[in-house]
Amino acid sequence: MIDLRERSLEPEILDDPAVPEHVRERCYLDLERTHHWLGNHRLLIRRIASDPEPVSRVLDIGCGHGNLLREVRRKLHVDVIGVDLVPPARVTDVPIRRADAVRDPLPDADIALSVIMAHHLSPAEVQSLIRNAGRSCRRLLLLDLVRHPVPLALFRAFIAPLVNPINVSDGIRSLERAYKPNELADIVRDALSGTGATFRHEVALFKIRQLVDIRFQPHSGSTSARE
């Protein structure tokens, strides 16, 4: 039986840059299906669409092959851009830059997304990512897993039989590495301390996800002038 009291620090298979591109692409397709089944993309698109200010550009931090950005562009008719530590080898119809979102400057955007990425990072790295996003975006929607026996049991029963073995292994490891809600809230609170930024933290039914909605103070960056 897995002990979820402490976060696992064991790496996932897809964390290895040596994973072949065709294998990585197949795994990302399975991840896209999982997000669809869980309603993660629908939730994020609704939040972007309901933003009280005009949204002209959306940034996806850790975008993989850009599947979420394609859906955002198709449904909301906005400009999109992604960054990833290991971008796809082939050219895609979505602009994706190689970048370490914890340390490297990020493209300007109105809203940044970070989806199922925070658990890959240490608390200090999550804080750095949040502060980094605040330099180029006015809002960050950070969605991640919850370390708890219920989502782990649901994953094994309903998701694992439908996806490839790498996604099964990485899915279990992701849940072992995820932050509990109180842990993630404390990380975000410390990251925003003294900045004037605000956040809301929501945990879904059955703890299938947690969403942190961060609104930064206005900054000098503008999405009207693109790089």
C-alpha atoms as a PDB file:
ATOM      1  CA  MET A   1       0.000   0.000   0.000  1.00  0.00           C
ATOM      2  CA  ILE A   2       1.343   3.422  -0.983  1.00  0.00           C
ATOM      3  CA  ASP A   3       2.033   5.847   1.839  1.00  0.00           C
ATOM      4  CA  LEU A   4       0.809   9.293   0.778  1.00  0.00           C
ATOM      5  CA  ARG A   5       1.702  11.111   3.962  1.00  0.00           C
ATOM      6  CA  GLU A   6       4.951  12.387   2.452  1.00  0.00           C
ATOM      7  CA  ARG A   7       5.580  13.552  -1.129  1.00  0.00           C
ATOM      8  CA  SER A   8       7.513  11.204  -3.347  1.00  0.00           C
ATOM      9  CA  LEU A   9      10.538  12.726  -5.044  1.00  0.00           C
ATOM     10  CA  GLU A  10      10.978   9.905  -7.538  1.00  0.00           C
ATOM     11  CA  PRO A  11      11.097  11.106 -11.170  1.00  0.00           C
ATOM     12  CA  GLU A  12       8.515  10.140 -13.771  1.00  0.00           C
ATOM     13  CA  ILE A  13       9.363   8.356 -17.007  1.00  0.00           C
ATOM     14  CA  LEU A  14       8.487  11.345 -19.192  1.00  0.00           C
ATOM     15  CA  ASP A  15      10.811  13.546 -17.116  1.00  0.00           C
ATOM     16  CA  ASP A  16      13.678  11.860 -18.980  1.00  0.00           C
ATOM     17  CA  PRO A  17      14.620  13.879 -22.116  1.00  0.00           C
ATOM     18  CA  ALA A  18      15.884  10.628 -23.662  1.00  0.00           C
ATOM     19  CA  VAL A  19      12.349   9.275 -24.116  1.00  0.00           C
ATOM     20  CA  PRO A  20      11.871   8.863 -27.914  1.00  0.00           C
ATOM     21  CA  GLU A  21       9.703  11.497 -29.594  1.00  0.00           C
ATOM     22  CA  HIS A  22       7.125   9.016 -30.928  1.00  0.00           C
ATOM     23  CA  VAL A  23       6.666   7.555 -27.445  1.00  0.00           C
ATOM     24  CA  ARG A  24       6.356  11.009 -25.911  1.00  0.00           C
ATOM     25  CA  GLU A  25       3.761  11.996 -28.525  1.00  0.00           C
ATOM     26  CA  ARG A  26       1.661   8.889 -27.827  1.00  0.00           C
ATOM     27  CA  CYS A  27       1.776   9.610 -24.103  1.00  0.00           C
ATOM     28  CA  TYR A  28       0.716  13.235 -24.638  1.00  0.00           C
ATOM     29  CA  LEU A  29      -2.298  12.032 -26.631  1.00  0.00           C
ATOM     30  CA  ASP A  30      -3.285   9.825 -23.700  1.00  0.00           C
ATOM     31  CA  LEU A  31      -2.804  12.779 -21.342  1.00  0.00           C
ATOM     32  CA  GLU A  32      -5.081  14.883 -23.553  1.00  0.00           C
ATOM     33  CA  ARG A  33      -7.795  12.215 -23.319  1.00  0.00           C
ATOM     34  CA  THR A  34      -7.402  12.109 -19.548  1.00  0.00           C
ATOM     35  CA  HIS A  35      -7.799  15.887 -19.295  1.00  0.00           C
ATOM     36  CA  HIS A  36     -10.935  15.592 -21.444  1.00  0.00           C
ATOM     37  CA  TRP A  37     -12.428  12.886 -19.242  1.00  0.00           C
ATOM     38  CA  LEU A  38     -11.704  14.894 -16.099  1.00  0.00           C
ATOM     39  CA  GLY A  39     -12.987  18.165 -17.579  1.00  0.00           C
ATOM     40  CA  ASN A  40      -9.736  20.010 -16.899  1.00  0.00           C
ATOM     41  CA  HIS A  41      -9.554  21.771 -20.256  1.00  0.00           C
ATOM     42  CA  ARG A  42     -13.237  22.733 -20.187  1.00  0.00           C
ATOM     43  CA  LEU A  43     -12.772  24.266 -16.747  1.00  0.00           C
ATOM     44  CA  LEU A  44      -9.776  26.345 -17.822  1.00  0.00           C
ATOM     45  CA  ILE A  45     -11.437  27.551 -21.016  1.00  0.00           C
ATOM     46  CA  ARG A  46     -14.517  28.649 -19.033  1.00  0.00           C
ATOM     47  CA  ARG A  47     -12.297  30.582 -16.635  1.00  0.00           C
ATOM     48  CA  ILE A  48     -10.474  32.335 -19.481  1.00  0.00           C
ATOM     49  CA  ALA A  49     -13.761  33.132 -21.250  1.00  0.00           C
ATOM     50  CA  SER A  50     -15.237  34.667 -18.090  1.00  0.00           C
ATOM     51  CA  ASP A  51     -12.258  36.937 -17.397  1.00  0.00           C
ATOM     52  CA  PRO A  52     -13.577  40.481 -16.809  1.00  0.00           C
ATOM     53  CA  GLU A  53     -10.821  42.022 -18.933  1.00  0.00           C
ATOM     54  CA  PRO A  54     -10.095  41.458 -22.635  1.00  0.00           C
ATOM     55  CA  VAL A  55      -7.908  38.424 -23.329  1.00  0.00           C
ATOM     56  CA  SER A  56      -5.816  38.559 -26.475  1.00  0.00           C
ATOM     57  CA  ARG A  57      -3.064  36.070 -25.654  1.00  0.00           C
ATOM     58  CA  VAL A  58      -2.803  32.919 -23.530  1.00  0.00           C
ATOM     59  CA  LEU A  59       0.466  31.310 -22.435  1.00  0.00           C
ATOM     60  CA  ASP A  60       0.694  27.621 -21.483  1.00  0.00           C
ATOM     61  CA  ILE A  61       3.644  26.879 -19.196  1.00  0.00           C
ATOM     62  CA  GLY A  62       4.783  23.291 -19.680  1.00  0.00           C
ATOM     63  CA  CYS A  63       2.593  22.950 -22.762  1.00  0.00           C
ATOM     64  CA  GLY A  64       3.854  19.592 -24.045  1.00  0.00           C
ATOM     65  CA  HIS A  65       2.768  19.359 -27.689  1.00  0.00           C
ATOM     66  CA  GLY A  66       0.338  22.275 -27.415  1.00  0.00           C
ATOM     67  CA  ASN A  67      -2.971  20.384 -27.377  1.00  0.00           C
ATOM     68  CA  LEU A  68      -4.579  22.635 -24.772  1.00  0.00           C
ATOM     69  CA  LEU A  69      -3.479  25.740 -26.669  1.00  0.00           C
ATOM     70  CA  ARG A  70      -5.091  24.441 -29.855  1.00  0.00           C
ATOM     71  CA  GLU A  71      -8.358  24.025 -28.015  1.00  0.00           C
ATOM     72  CA  VAL A  72      -8.081  27.477 -26.419  1.00  0.00           C
ATOM     73  CA  ARG A  73      -7.376  29.069 -29.813  1.00  0.00           C
ATOM     74  CA  ARG A  74     -10.206  27.214 -31.534  1.00  0.00           C
ATOM     75  CA  LYS A  75     -12.840  28.000 -28.903  1.00  0.00           C
ATOM     76  CA  LEU A  76     -11.822  31.495 -27.813  1.00  0.00           C
ATOM     77  CA  HIS A  77     -10.162  32.860 -30.991  1.00  0.00           C
ATOM     78  CA  VAL A  78      -7.170  34.270 -29.122  1.00  0.00           C
ATOM     79  CA  ASP A  79      -3.439  34.268 -29.773  1.00  0.00           C
ATOM     80  CA  VAL A  80      -1.605  31.445 -28.004  1.00  0.00           C
ATOM     81  CA  ILE A  81       1.980  30.555 -27.172  1.00  0.00           C
ATOM     82  CA  GLY A  82       3.588  27.776 -25.165  1.00  0.00           C
ATOM     83  CA  VAL A  83       6.848  27.087 -23.387  1.00  0.00           C
ATOM     84  CA  ASP A  84       8.253  23.714 -22.446  1.00  0.00           C
ATOM     85  CA  LEU A  85      11.553  22.376 -21.173  1.00  0.00           C
ATOM     86  CA  VAL A  86      11.394  19.648 -23.856  1.00  0.00           C
ATOM     87  CA  PRO A  87       9.411  21.070 -26.796  1.00  0.00           C
ATOM     88  CA  PRO A  88       8.342  18.760 -29.631  1.00  0.00           C
ATOM     89  CA  ALA A  89      11.031  17.957 -32.154  1.00  0.00           C
ATOM     90  CA  ARG A  90       8.759  18.535 -35.135  1.00  0.00           C
ATOM     91  CA  VAL A  91       7.288  21.890 -36.113  1.00  0.00           C
ATOM     92  CA  THR A  92       3.718  22.352 -34.874  1.00  0.00           C
ATOM     93  CA  ASP A  93       0.920  24.785 -35.734  1.00  0.00           C
ATOM     94  CA  VAL A  94       1.242  26.228 -32.214  1.00  0.00           C
ATOM     95  CA  PRO A  95       4.286  28.397 -31.365  1.00  0.00           C
ATOM     96  CA  ILE A  96       6.265  26.632 -28.650  1.00  0.00           C
ATOM     97  CA  ARG A  97       9.533  27.905 -27.195  1.00  0.00           C
ATOM     98  CA  ARG A  98      12.108  25.995 -25.226  1.00  0.00           C
ATOM     99  CA  ALA A  99      12.292  27.549 -21.749  1.00  0.00           C
ATOM    100  CA  ASP A 100      12.724  26.696 -18.094  1.00  0.00           C
ATOM    101  CA  ALA A 101       9.676  28.462 -16.648  1.00  0.00           C
ATOM    102  CA  VAL A 102      11.276  28.590 -13.214  1.00  0.00           C
ATOM    103  CA  ARG A 103      14.257  30.646 -14.392  1.00  0.00           C
ATOM    104  CA  ASP A 104      13.902  31.908 -17.974  1.00  0.00           C
ATOM    105  CA  PRO A 105      11.954  34.997 -19.056  1.00  0.00           C
ATOM    106  CA  LEU A 106       8.461  34.095 -20.276  1.00  0.00           C
ATOM    107  CA  PRO A 107       6.529  35.533 -23.235  1.00  0.00           C
ATOM    108  CA  ASP A 108       4.028  38.271 -22.416  1.00  0.00           C
ATOM    109  CA  ALA A 109       0.396  37.185 -22.212  1.00  0.00           C
ATOM    110  CA  ASP A 110      -2.815  38.187 -20.498  1.00  0.00           C
ATOM    111  CA  ILE A 111      -3.337  34.817 -18.826  1.00  0.00           C
ATOM    112  CA  ALA A 112      -0.854  32.022 -18.139  1.00  0.00           C
ATOM    113  CA  LEU A 113      -1.816  28.390 -17.567  1.00  0.00           C
ATOM    114  CA  SER A 114       0.140  25.758 -15.668  1.00  0.00           C
ATOM    115  CA  VAL A 115      -1.510  22.351 -15.949  1.00  0.00           C
ATOM    116  CA  ILE A 116      -0.360  19.265 -14.030  1.00  0.00           C
ATOM    117  CA  MET A 117       3.124  20.710 -13.703  1.00  0.00           C
ATOM    118  CA  ALA A 118       3.505  21.960 -10.128  1.00  0.00           C
ATOM    119  CA  HIS A 119       4.009  18.470  -8.697  1.00  0.00           C
ATOM    120  CA  HIS A 120       7.148  18.136 -10.841  1.00  0.00           C
ATOM    121  CA  LEU A 121       8.705  21.016  -8.908  1.00  0.00           C
ATOM    122  CA  SER A 122      10.006  21.614  -5.399  1.00  0.00           C
ATOM    123  CA  PRO A 123       8.166  24.172  -3.244  1.00  0.00           C
ATOM    124  CA  ALA A 124      10.868  26.761  -3.971  1.00  0.00           C
ATOM    125  CA  GLU A 125      10.584  26.085  -7.720  1.00  0.00           C
ATOM    126  CA  VAL A 126       6.795  26.436  -7.640  1.00  0.00           C
ATOM    127  CA  GLN A 127       7.232  29.805  -5.935  1.00  0.00           C
ATOM    128  CA  SER A 128       9.782  30.892  -8.551  1.00  0.00           C
ATOM    129  CA  LEU A 129       7.451  29.829 -11.368  1.00  0.00           C
ATOM    130  CA  ILE A 130       4.594  31.850  -9.854  1.00  0.00           C
ATOM    131  CA  ARG A 131       6.738  34.960  -9.451  1.00  0.00           C
ATOM    132  CA  ASN A 132       8.146  34.502 -12.957  1.00  0.00           C
ATOM    133  CA  ALA A 133       4.656  34.266 -14.466  1.00  0.00           C
ATOM    134  CA  GLY A 134       3.720  37.452 -12.629  1.00  0.00           C
ATOM    135  CA  ARG A 135       6.407  39.365 -14.518  1.00  0.00           C
ATOM    136  CA  SER A 136       4.752  38.734 -17.890  1.00  0.00           C
ATOM    137  CA  CYS A 137       1.077  37.956 -17.154  1.00  0.00           C
ATOM    138  CA  ARG A 138      -1.705  39.512 -15.084  1.00  0.00           C
ATOM    139  CA  ARG A 139      -3.290  36.181 -14.151  1.00  0.00           C
ATOM    140  CA  LEU A 140      -2.121  32.593 -13.614  1.00  0.00           C
ATOM    141  CA  LEU A 141      -4.399  29.557 -13.529  1.00  0.00           C
ATOM    142  CA  LEU A 142      -2.405  26.769 -11.869  1.00  0.00           C
ATOM    143  CA  LEU A 143      -4.129  23.382 -11.981  1.00  0.00           C
ATOM    144  CA  ASP A 144      -2.646  20.274 -10.443  1.00  0.00           C
ATOM    145  CA  LEU A 145      -3.352  16.944  -8.785  1.00  0.00           C
ATOM    146  CA  VAL A 146      -4.073  16.266  -5.112  1.00  0.00           C
ATOM    147  CA  ARG A 147      -2.084  13.769  -3.054  1.00  0.00           C
ATOM    148  CA  HIS A 148      -4.901  11.729  -1.499  1.00  0.00           C
ATOM    149  CA  PRO A 149      -6.080   8.068  -1.561  1.00  0.00           C
ATOM    150  CA  VAL A 150      -9.392   8.867  -3.298  1.00  0.00           C
ATOM    151  CA  PRO A 151      -8.022  10.242  -6.617  1.00  0.00           C
ATOM    152  CA  LEU A 152      -5.393   7.485  -6.590  1.00  0.00           C
ATOM    153  CA  ALA A 153      -8.111   4.826  -6.291  1.00  0.00           C
ATOM    154  CA  LEU A 154     -10.201   6.507  -9.006  1.00  0.00           C
ATOM    155  CA  PHE A 155      -7.202   6.696 -11.322  1.00  0.00           C
ATOM    156  CA  ARG A 156      -6.443   3.004 -10.913  1.00  0.00           C
ATOM    157  CA  ALA A 157     -10.069   1.983 -11.419  1.00  0.00           C
ATOM    158  CA  PHE A 158     -11.172   4.236 -14.278  1.00  0.00           C
ATOM    159  CA  ILE A 159      -8.168   5.807 -16.051  1.00  0.00           C
ATOM    160  CA  ALA A 160      -5.359   3.251 -15.846  1.00  0.00           C
ATOM    161  CA  PRO A 161      -7.208   0.564 -17.894  1.00  0.00           C
ATOM    162  CA  LEU A 162      -7.627   3.030 -20.779  1.00  0.00           C
ATOM    163  CA  VAL A 163      -4.120   4.465 -21.175  1.00  0.00           C
ATOM    164  CA  ASN A 164      -0.675   3.126 -22.021  1.00  0.00           C
ATOM    165  CA  PRO A 165       1.651   1.650 -19.360  1.00  0.00           C
ATOM    166  CA  ILE A 166       3.906   4.737 -19.236  1.00  0.00           C
ATOM    167  CA  ASN A 167       0.945   6.960 -18.412  1.00  0.00           C
ATOM    168  CA  VAL A 168      -0.208   4.483 -15.773  1.00  0.00           C
ATOM    169  CA  SER A 169       3.190   4.489 -14.086  1.00  0.00           C
ATOM    170  CA  ASP A 170       3.610   8.255 -14.373  1.00  0.00           C
ATOM    171  CA  GLY A 171       0.012   8.880 -13.264  1.00  0.00           C
ATOM    172  CA  ILE A 172       0.527   6.976 -10.029  1.00  0.00           C
ATOM    173  CA  ARG A 173       3.883   8.654  -9.473  1.00  0.00           C
ATOM    174  CA  SER A 174       2.315  12.077 -10.173  1.00  0.00           C
ATOM    175  CA  LEU A 175      -0.279  11.512  -7.464  1.00  0.00           C
ATOM    176  CA  GLU A 176       2.481  10.457  -5.085  1.00  0.00           C
ATOM    177  CA  ARG A 177       4.393  13.657  -5.908  1.00  0.00           C
ATOM    178  CA  ALA A 178       1.403  16.016  -5.785  1.00  0.00           C
ATOM    179  CA  TYR A 179       0.870  18.563  -3.031  1.00  0.00           C
ATOM    180  CA  LYS A 180      -1.917  18.345  -0.511  1.00  0.00           C
ATOM    181  CA  PRO A 181      -4.236  21.390  -0.682  1.00  0.00           C
ATOM    182  CA  ASN A 182      -2.865  22.982   2.462  1.00  0.00           C
ATOM    183  CA  GLU A 183       0.707  22.472   1.228  1.00  0.00           C
ATOM    184  CA  LEU A 184       0.033  24.123  -2.129  1.00  0.00           C
ATOM    185  CA  ALA A 185      -1.898  26.994  -0.545  1.00  0.00           C
ATOM    186  CA  ASP A 186       1.028  27.716   1.780  1.00  0.00           C
ATOM    187  CA  ILE A 187       3.461  27.681  -1.159  1.00  0.00           C
ATOM    188  CA  VAL A 188       1.331  30.138  -3.141  1.00  0.00           C
ATOM    189  CA  ARG A 189       0.784  32.388  -0.127  1.00  0.00           C
ATOM    190  CA  ASP A 190       4.529  32.605   0.512  1.00  0.00           C
ATOM    191  CA  ALA A 191       5.254  33.249  -3.180  1.00  0.00           C
ATOM    192  CA  LEU A 192       2.831  36.196  -3.260  1.00  0.00           C
ATOM    193  CA  SER A 193       3.722  37.659   0.123  1.00  0.00           C
ATOM    194  CA  GLY A 194       4.284  41.400  -0.135  1.00  0.00           C
ATOM    195  CA  THR A 195       3.364  41.618  -3.832  1.00  0.00           C
ATOM    196  CA  GLY A 196      -0.258  42.714  -3.509  1.00  0.00           C
ATOM    197  CA  ALA A 197      -1.391  39.752  -5.637  1.00  0.00           C
ATOM    198  CA  THR A 198      -4.455  37.739  -4.602  1.00  0.00           C
ATOM    199  CA  PHE A 199      -5.469  34.127  -5.154  1.00  0.00           C
ATOM    200  CA  ARG A 200      -8.373  31.728  -4.829  1.00  0.00           C
ATOM    201  CA  HIS A 201      -7.813  28.031  -4.184  1.00  0.00           C
ATOM    202  CA  GLU A 202     -10.424  25.425  -5.068  1.00  0.00           C
ATOM    203  CA  VAL A 203     -10.438  21.653  -4.613  1.00  0.00           C
ATOM    204  CA  ALA A 204     -12.783  19.619  -6.829  1.00  0.00           C
ATOM    205  CA  LEU A 205     -15.159  16.876  -5.763  1.00  0.00           C
ATOM    206  CA  PHE A 206     -13.368  13.627  -4.916  1.00  0.00           C
ATOM    207  CA  LYS A 207     -10.136  15.670  -4.939  1.00  0.00           C
ATOM    208  CA  ILE A 208      -9.571  14.959  -8.621  1.00  0.00           C
ATOM    209  CA  ARG A 209      -7.807  18.325  -9.000  1.00  0.00           C
ATOM    210  CA  GLN A 210      -6.987  21.594  -7.290  1.00  0.00           C
ATOM    211  CA  LEU A 211      -7.007  24.972  -8.998  1.00  0.00           C
ATOM    212  CA  VAL A 212      -5.212  28.105  -7.859  1.00  0.00           C
ATOM    213  CA  ASP A 213      -6.399  31.307  -9.570  1.00  0.00           C
ATOM    214  CA  ILE A 214      -3.785  34.044  -9.064  1.00  0.00           C
ATOM    215  CA  ARG A 215      -4.304  37.681 -10.025  1.00  0.00           C
ATOM    216  CA  PHE A 216      -1.156  39.749 -10.056  1.00  0.00           C
ATOM    217  CA  GLN A 217      -0.849  43.483  -9.599  1.00  0.00           C
ATOM    218  CA  PRO A 218      -0.565  45.468 -12.863  1.00  0.00           C
ATOM    219  CA  HIS A 219       2.960  45.576 -14.265  1.00  0.00           C
ATOM    220  CA  SER A 220       4.750  47.406 -17.016  1.00  0.00           C
ATOM    221  CA  GLY A 221       4.582  44.501 -19.448  1.00  0.00           C
ATOM    222  CA  SER A 222       1.988  44.805 -22.211  1.00  0.00           C
ATOM    223  CA  THR A 223       0.418  42.230 -24.489  1.00  0.00           C
ATOM    224  CA  SER A 224      -0.057  44.872 -27.146  1.00  0.00           C
ATOM    225  CA  ALA A 225       3.570  44.597 -28.248  1.00  0.00           C
ATOM    226  CA  ARG A 226       4.596  41.032 -29.025  1.00  0.00           C
ATOM    227  CA  GLU A 227       8.049  39.635 -29.358  1.00  0.00           C
END
